């Protein structure tokens, strides 16, 4: 009986560890996705500003 209880307890710990690893993976993935999005927004803004500068340069000329 104690062996069975120990096995069940060990399995419960393993499930908890697995769940924590999954949550950690999701958190890391969300962070990576957010950093990609932020980088894209910053690049988009700078590129658009440069594009507007070039357009204004040609329009004024």
PDB file of N, CA and C in Angstrom:
ATOM      1  N   UNK A   1       0.840  -1.200   0.000  1.00  0.00           N
ATOM      2  CA  UNK A   1       0.000   0.000   0.000  1.00  0.00           C
ATOM      3  C   UNK A   1       0.870   1.242   0.000  1.00  0.00           C
ATOM      4  N   UNK A   2       1.936   1.249   0.818  1.00  0.00           N
ATOM      5  CA  UNK A   2       2.808   2.425   0.876  1.00  0.00           C
ATOM      6  C   UNK A   2       3.551   2.597  -0.457  1.00  0.00           C
ATOM      7  N   UNK A   3       3.893   1.464  -1.099  1.00  0.00           N
ATOM      8  CA  UNK A   3       4.564   1.541  -2.400  1.00  0.00           C
ATOM      9  C   UNK A   3       3.634   2.203  -3.413  1.00  0.00           C
ATOM     10  N   UNK A   4       2.366   1.788  -3.415  1.00  0.00           N
ATOM     11  CA  UNK A   4       1.382   2.360  -4.330  1.00  0.00           C
ATOM     12  C   UNK A   4       1.213   3.859  -4.060  1.00  0.00           C
ATOM     13  N   UNK A   5       1.151   4.231  -2.783  1.00  0.00           N
ATOM     14  CA  UNK A   5       1.004   5.640  -2.419  1.00  0.00           C
ATOM     15  C   UNK A   5       2.219   6.433  -2.908  1.00  0.00           C
ATOM     16  N   UNK A   6       3.414   5.854  -2.755  1.00  0.00           N
ATOM     17  CA  UNK A   6       4.635   6.529  -3.187  1.00  0.00           C
ATOM     18  C   UNK A   6       4.622   6.719  -4.709  1.00  0.00           C
ATOM     19  N   UNK A   7       4.175   5.671  -5.434  1.00  0.00           N
ATOM     20  CA  UNK A   7       4.108   5.755  -6.893  1.00  0.00           C
ATOM     21  C   UNK A   7       3.132   6.859  -7.313  1.00  0.00           C
ATOM     22  N   UNK A   8       1.965   6.887  -6.652  1.00  0.00           N
ATOM     23  CA  UNK A   8       0.964   7.905  -6.982  1.00  0.00           C
ATOM     24  C   UNK A   8       1.525   9.300  -6.699  1.00  0.00           C
ATOM     25  N   UNK A   9       2.205   9.445  -5.554  1.00  0.00           N
ATOM     26  CA  UNK A   9       2.773  10.738  -5.186  1.00  0.00           C
ATOM     27  C   UNK A   9       3.834  11.169  -6.204  1.00  0.00           C
ATOM     28  N   UNK A  10       4.684  10.211  -6.588  1.00  0.00           N
ATOM     29  CA  UNK A  10       5.729  10.502  -7.572  1.00  0.00           C
ATOM     30  C   UNK A  10       5.109  10.940  -8.903  1.00  0.00           C
ATOM     31  N   UNK A  11       4.049  10.226  -9.292  1.00  0.00           N
ATOM     32  CA  UNK A  11       3.382  10.573 -10.554  1.00  0.00           C
ATOM     33  C   UNK A  11       2.762  11.962 -10.468  1.00  0.00           C
ATOM     34  N   UNK A  12       2.205  12.299  -9.297  1.00  0.00           N
ATOM     35  CA  UNK A  12       1.610  13.627  -9.106  1.00  0.00           C
ATOM     36  C   UNK A  12       2.691  14.703  -9.243  1.00  0.00           C
ATOM     37  N   UNK A  13       3.862  14.473  -8.656  1.00  0.00           N
ATOM     38  CA  UNK A  13       4.960  15.426  -8.788  1.00  0.00           C
ATOM     39  C   UNK A  13       5.364  15.580 -10.250  1.00  0.00           C
ATOM     40  N   UNK A  14       5.430  14.440 -10.962  1.00  0.00           N
ATOM     41  CA  UNK A  14       5.832  14.479 -12.367  1.00  0.00           C
ATOM     42  C   UNK A  14       4.829  15.299 -13.183  1.00  0.00           C
ATOM     43  N   UNK A  15       3.517  15.106 -12.890  1.00  0.00           N
ATOM     44  CA  UNK A  15       2.478  15.861 -13.603  1.00  0.00           C
ATOM     45  C   UNK A  15       2.631  17.344 -13.321  1.00  0.00           C
ATOM     46  N   UNK A  16       2.899  17.704 -12.053  1.00  0.00           N
ATOM     47  CA  UNK A  16       3.066  19.116 -11.699  1.00  0.00           C
ATOM     48  C   UNK A  16       4.281  19.706 -12.401  1.00  0.00           C
ATOM     49  N   UNK A  17       5.385  18.945 -12.411  1.00  0.00           N
ATOM     50  CA  UNK A  17       6.594  19.434 -13.093  1.00  0.00           C
ATOM     51  C   UNK A  17       6.313  19.632 -14.573  1.00  0.00           C
ATOM     52  N   UNK A  18       5.610  18.671 -15.186  1.00  0.00           N
ATOM     53  CA  UNK A  18       5.266  18.776 -16.604  1.00  0.00           C
ATOM     54  C   UNK A  18       4.413  20.018 -16.866  1.00  0.00           C
ATOM     55  N   UNK A  19       3.449  20.244 -15.987  1.00  0.00           N
ATOM     56  CA  UNK A  19       2.568  21.400 -16.144  1.00  0.00           C
ATOM     57  C   UNK A  19       3.368  22.695 -16.031  1.00  0.00           C
ATOM     58  N   UNK A  20       4.292  22.753 -15.070  1.00  0.00           N
ATOM     59  CA  UNK A  20       5.121  23.949 -14.907  1.00  0.00           C
ATOM     60  C   UNK A  20       5.978  24.178 -16.139  1.00  0.00           C
ATOM     61  N   UNK A  21       6.539  23.113 -16.696  1.00  0.00           N
ATOM     62  CA  UNK A  21       7.373  23.237 -17.899  1.00  0.00           C
ATOM     63  C   UNK A  21       6.536  23.761 -19.055  1.00  0.00           C
ATOM     64  N   UNK A  22       5.305  23.261 -19.183  1.00  0.00           N
ATOM     65  CA  UNK A  22       4.419  23.713 -20.261  1.00  0.00           C
ATOM     66  C   UNK A  22       4.093  25.192 -20.097  1.00  0.00           C
ATOM     67  N   UNK A  23       3.795  25.613 -18.859  1.00  0.00           N
ATOM     68  CA  UNK A  23       3.489  27.026 -18.607  1.00  0.00           C
ATOM     69  C   UNK A  23       4.701  27.893 -18.929  1.00  0.00           C
ATOM     70  N   UNK A  24       5.887  27.420 -18.543  1.00  0.00           N
ATOM     71  CA  UNK A  24       7.126  28.161 -18.829  1.00  0.00           C
ATOM     72  C   UNK A  24       7.313  28.294 -20.338  1.00  0.00           C
ATOM     73  N   UNK A  25       7.074  27.196 -21.065  1.00  0.00           N
ATOM     74  CA  UNK A  25       7.241  27.214 -22.525  1.00  0.00           C
ATOM     75  C   UNK A  25       6.279  28.228 -23.138  1.00  0.00           C
ATOM     76  N   UNK A  26       5.019  28.228 -22.662  1.00  0.00           N
ATOM     77  CA  UNK A  26       4.035  29.168 -23.196  1.00  0.00           C
ATOM     78  C   UNK A  26       4.453  30.600 -22.903  1.00  0.00           C
ATOM     79  N   UNK A  27       4.996  30.833 -21.692  1.00  0.00           N
ATOM     80  CA  UNK A  27       5.424  32.187 -21.326  1.00  0.00           C
ATOM     81  C   UNK A  27       6.557  32.646 -22.234  1.00  0.00           C
ATOM     82  N   UNK A  28       7.537  31.755 -22.464  1.00  0.00           N
ATOM     83  CA  UNK A  28       8.668  32.089 -23.337  1.00  0.00           C
ATOM     84  C   UNK A  28       8.176  32.369 -24.751  1.00  0.00           C
ATOM     85  N   UNK A  29       7.254  31.525 -25.240  1.00  0.00           N
ATOM     86  CA  UNK A  29       6.728  31.707 -26.600  1.00  0.00           C
ATOM     87  C   UNK A  29       6.013  33.048 -26.717  1.00  0.00           C
ATOM     88  N   UNK A  30       5.226  33.411 -25.668  1.00  0.00           N
ATOM     89  CA  UNK A  30       4.516  34.691 -25.692  1.00  0.00           C
ATOM     90  C   UNK A  30       5.518  35.844 -25.722  1.00  0.00           C
ATOM     91  N   UNK A  31       6.594  35.718 -24.934  1.00  0.00           N
ATOM     92  CA  UNK A  31       7.625  36.764 -24.888  1.00  0.00           C
ATOM     93  C   UNK A  31       8.291  36.917 -26.251  1.00  0.00           C
ATOM     94  N   UNK A  32       8.624  35.766 -26.892  1.00  0.00           N
ATOM     95  CA  UNK A  32       9.260  35.811 -28.213  1.00  0.00           C
ATOM     96  C   UNK A  32       8.323  36.471 -29.217  1.00  0.00           C
ATOM     97  N   UNK A  33       7.044  36.068 -29.198  1.00  0.00           N
ATOM     98  CA  UNK A  33       6.084  36.635 -30.135  1.00  0.00           C
ATOM     99  C   UNK A  33       5.949  38.138 -29.917  1.00  0.00           C
ATOM    100  N   UNK A  34       5.900  38.563 -28.632  1.00  0.00           N
ATOM    101  CA  UNK A  34       5.755  39.985 -28.327  1.00  0.00           C
ATOM    102  C   UNK A  34       6.978  40.769 -28.799  1.00  0.00           C
ATOM    103  N   UNK A  35       8.185  40.199 -28.601  1.00  0.00           N
ATOM    104  CA  UNK A  35       9.398  40.907 -29.021  1.00  0.00           C
ATOM    105  C   UNK A  35       9.435  41.025 -30.540  1.00  0.00           C
ATOM    106  N   UNK A  36       9.003  39.971 -31.246  1.00  0.00           N
ATOM    107  CA  UNK A  36       8.945  40.046 -32.713  1.00  0.00           C
ATOM    108  C   UNK A  36       7.967  41.137 -33.143  1.00  0.00           C
ATOM    109  N   UNK A  37       6.807  41.194 -32.476  1.00  0.00           N
ATOM    110  CA  UNK A  37       5.797  42.180 -32.824  1.00  0.00           C
ATOM    111  C   UNK A  37       6.328  43.595 -32.575  1.00  0.00           C
ATOM    112  N   UNK A  38       6.970  43.806 -31.420  1.00  0.00           N
ATOM    113  CA  UNK A  38       7.507  45.128 -31.095  1.00  0.00           C
ATOM    114  C   UNK A  38       8.572  45.530 -32.111  1.00  0.00           C
ATOM    115  N   UNK A  39       9.455  44.584 -32.471  1.00  0.00           N
ATOM    116  CA  UNK A  39      10.489  44.868 -33.459  1.00  0.00           C
ATOM    117  C   UNK A  39       9.861  45.238 -34.798  1.00  0.00           C
ATOM    118  N   UNK A  40       8.831  44.501 -35.192  1.00  0.00           N
ATOM    119  CA  UNK A  40       8.156  44.793 -36.450  1.00  0.00           C
ATOM    120  C   UNK A  40       7.510  46.169 -36.437  1.00  0.00           C
ATOM    121  N   UNK A  41       6.893  46.533 -35.309  1.00  0.00           N
ATOM    122  CA  UNK A  41       6.244  47.849 -35.210  1.00  0.00           C
ATOM    123  C   UNK A  41       7.298  48.950 -35.308  1.00  0.00           C
ATOM    124  N   UNK A  42       8.402  48.794 -34.574  1.00  0.00           N
ATOM    125  CA  UNK A  42       9.457  49.817 -34.597  1.00  0.00           C
ATOM    126  C   UNK A  42      10.038  49.942 -35.999  1.00  0.00           C
ATOM    127  N   UNK A  43      10.340  48.797 -36.630  1.00  0.00           N
ATOM    128  CA  UNK A  43      10.883  48.831 -37.993  1.00  0.00           C
ATOM    129  C   UNK A  43       9.877  49.465 -38.951  1.00  0.00           C
ATOM    130  N   UNK A  44       8.600  49.115 -38.786  1.00  0.00           N
ATOM    131  CA  UNK A  44       7.570  49.679 -39.654  1.00  0.00           C
ATOM    132  C   UNK A  44       7.500  51.187 -39.514  1.00  0.00           C
ATOM    133  N   UNK A  45       7.548  51.683 -38.271  1.00  0.00           N
ATOM    134  CA  UNK A  45       7.476  53.131 -38.071  1.00  0.00           C
ATOM    135  C   UNK A  45       8.696  53.826 -38.668  1.00  0.00           C
ATOM    136  N   UNK A  46       9.899  53.303 -38.392  1.00  0.00           N
ATOM    137  CA  UNK A  46      11.098  53.966 -38.913  1.00  0.00           C
ATOM    138  C   UNK A  46      11.103  53.915 -40.437  1.00  0.00           C
ATOM    139  N   UNK A  47      10.707  52.760 -40.997  1.00  0.00           N
ATOM    140  CA  UNK A  47      10.696  52.622 -42.456  1.00  0.00           C
ATOM    141  C   UNK A  47       9.690  53.587 -43.065  1.00  0.00           C
ATOM    142  N   UNK A  48       8.509  53.706 -42.408  1.00  0.00           N
ATOM    143  CA  UNK A  48       7.476  54.592 -42.930  1.00  0.00           C
ATOM    144  C   UNK A  48       7.933  56.050 -42.837  1.00  0.00           C
ATOM    145  N   UNK A  49       8.638  56.395 -41.738  1.00  0.00           N
ATOM    146  CA  UNK A  49       9.137  57.768 -41.595  1.00  0.00           C
ATOM    147  C   UNK A  49      10.142  58.056 -42.711  1.00  0.00           C
ATOM    148  N   UNK A  50      11.042  57.106 -42.970  1.00  0.00           N
ATOM    149  CA  UNK A  50      12.013  57.287 -44.051  1.00  0.00           C
ATOM    150  C   UNK A  50      11.295  57.421 -45.387  1.00  0.00           C
ATOM    151  N   UNK A  51      10.255  56.602 -45.582  1.00  0.00           N
ATOM    152  CA  UNK A  51       9.494  56.641 -46.832  1.00  0.00           C
ATOM    153  C   UNK A  51       8.834  58.010 -47.004  1.00  0.00           C
ATOM    154  N   UNK A  52       8.259  58.526 -45.906  1.00  0.00           N
ATOM    155  CA  UNK A  52       7.620  59.852 -45.954  1.00  0.00           C
ATOM    156  C   UNK A  52       8.673  60.911 -46.258  1.00  0.00           C
ATOM    157  N   UNK A  53       9.858  60.809 -45.636  1.00  0.00           N
ATOM    158  CA  UNK A  53      10.931  61.773 -45.905  1.00  0.00           C
ATOM    159  C   UNK A  53      11.301  61.761 -47.383  1.00  0.00           C
ATOM    160  N   UNK A  54      11.471  60.566 -47.945  1.00  0.00           N
ATOM    161  CA  UNK A  54      11.837  60.446 -49.358  1.00  0.00           C
ATOM    162  C   UNK A  54      10.742  61.040 -50.238  1.00  0.00           C
ATOM    163  N   UNK A  55       9.473  60.701 -49.912  1.00  0.00           N
ATOM    164  CA  UNK A  55       8.354  61.231 -50.703  1.00  0.00           C
ATOM    165  C   UNK A  55       8.300  62.754 -50.626  1.00  0.00           C
ATOM    166  N   UNK A  56       8.463  63.303 -49.424  1.00  0.00           N
ATOM    167  CA  UNK A  56       8.439  64.753 -49.264  1.00  0.00           C
ATOM    168  C   UNK A  56       9.591  65.379 -50.040  1.00  0.00           C
ATOM    169  N   UNK A  57      10.744  64.715 -49.993  1.00  0.00           N
ATOM    170  CA  UNK A  57      11.919  65.228 -50.705  1.00  0.00           C
ATOM    171  C   UNK A  57      11.614  65.327 -52.206  1.00  0.00           C
ATOM    172  N   UNK A  58      11.001  64.270 -52.756  1.00  0.00           N
ATOM    173  CA  UNK A  58      10.702  64.270 -54.197  1.00  0.00           C
ATOM    174  C   UNK A  58       9.555  65.230 -54.518  1.00  0.00           C
ATOM    175  N   UNK A  59       8.565  65.338 -53.596  1.00  0.00           N
ATOM    176  CA  UNK A  59       7.423  66.216 -53.851  1.00  0.00           C
ATOM    177  C   UNK A  59       7.849  67.684 -53.790  1.00  0.00           C
ATOM    178  N   UNK A  60       8.723  68.004 -52.815  1.00  0.00           N
ATOM    179  CA  UNK A  60       9.169  69.396 -52.665  1.00  0.00           C
ATOM    180  C   UNK A  60      10.054  69.786 -53.845  1.00  0.00           C
ATOM    181  N   UNK A  61      10.852  68.841 -54.328  1.00  0.00           N
ATOM    182  CA  UNK A  61      11.790  69.133 -55.415  1.00  0.00           C
ATOM    183  C   UNK A  61      11.136  69.407 -56.707  1.00  0.00           C
TER     184      UNK A  61
END
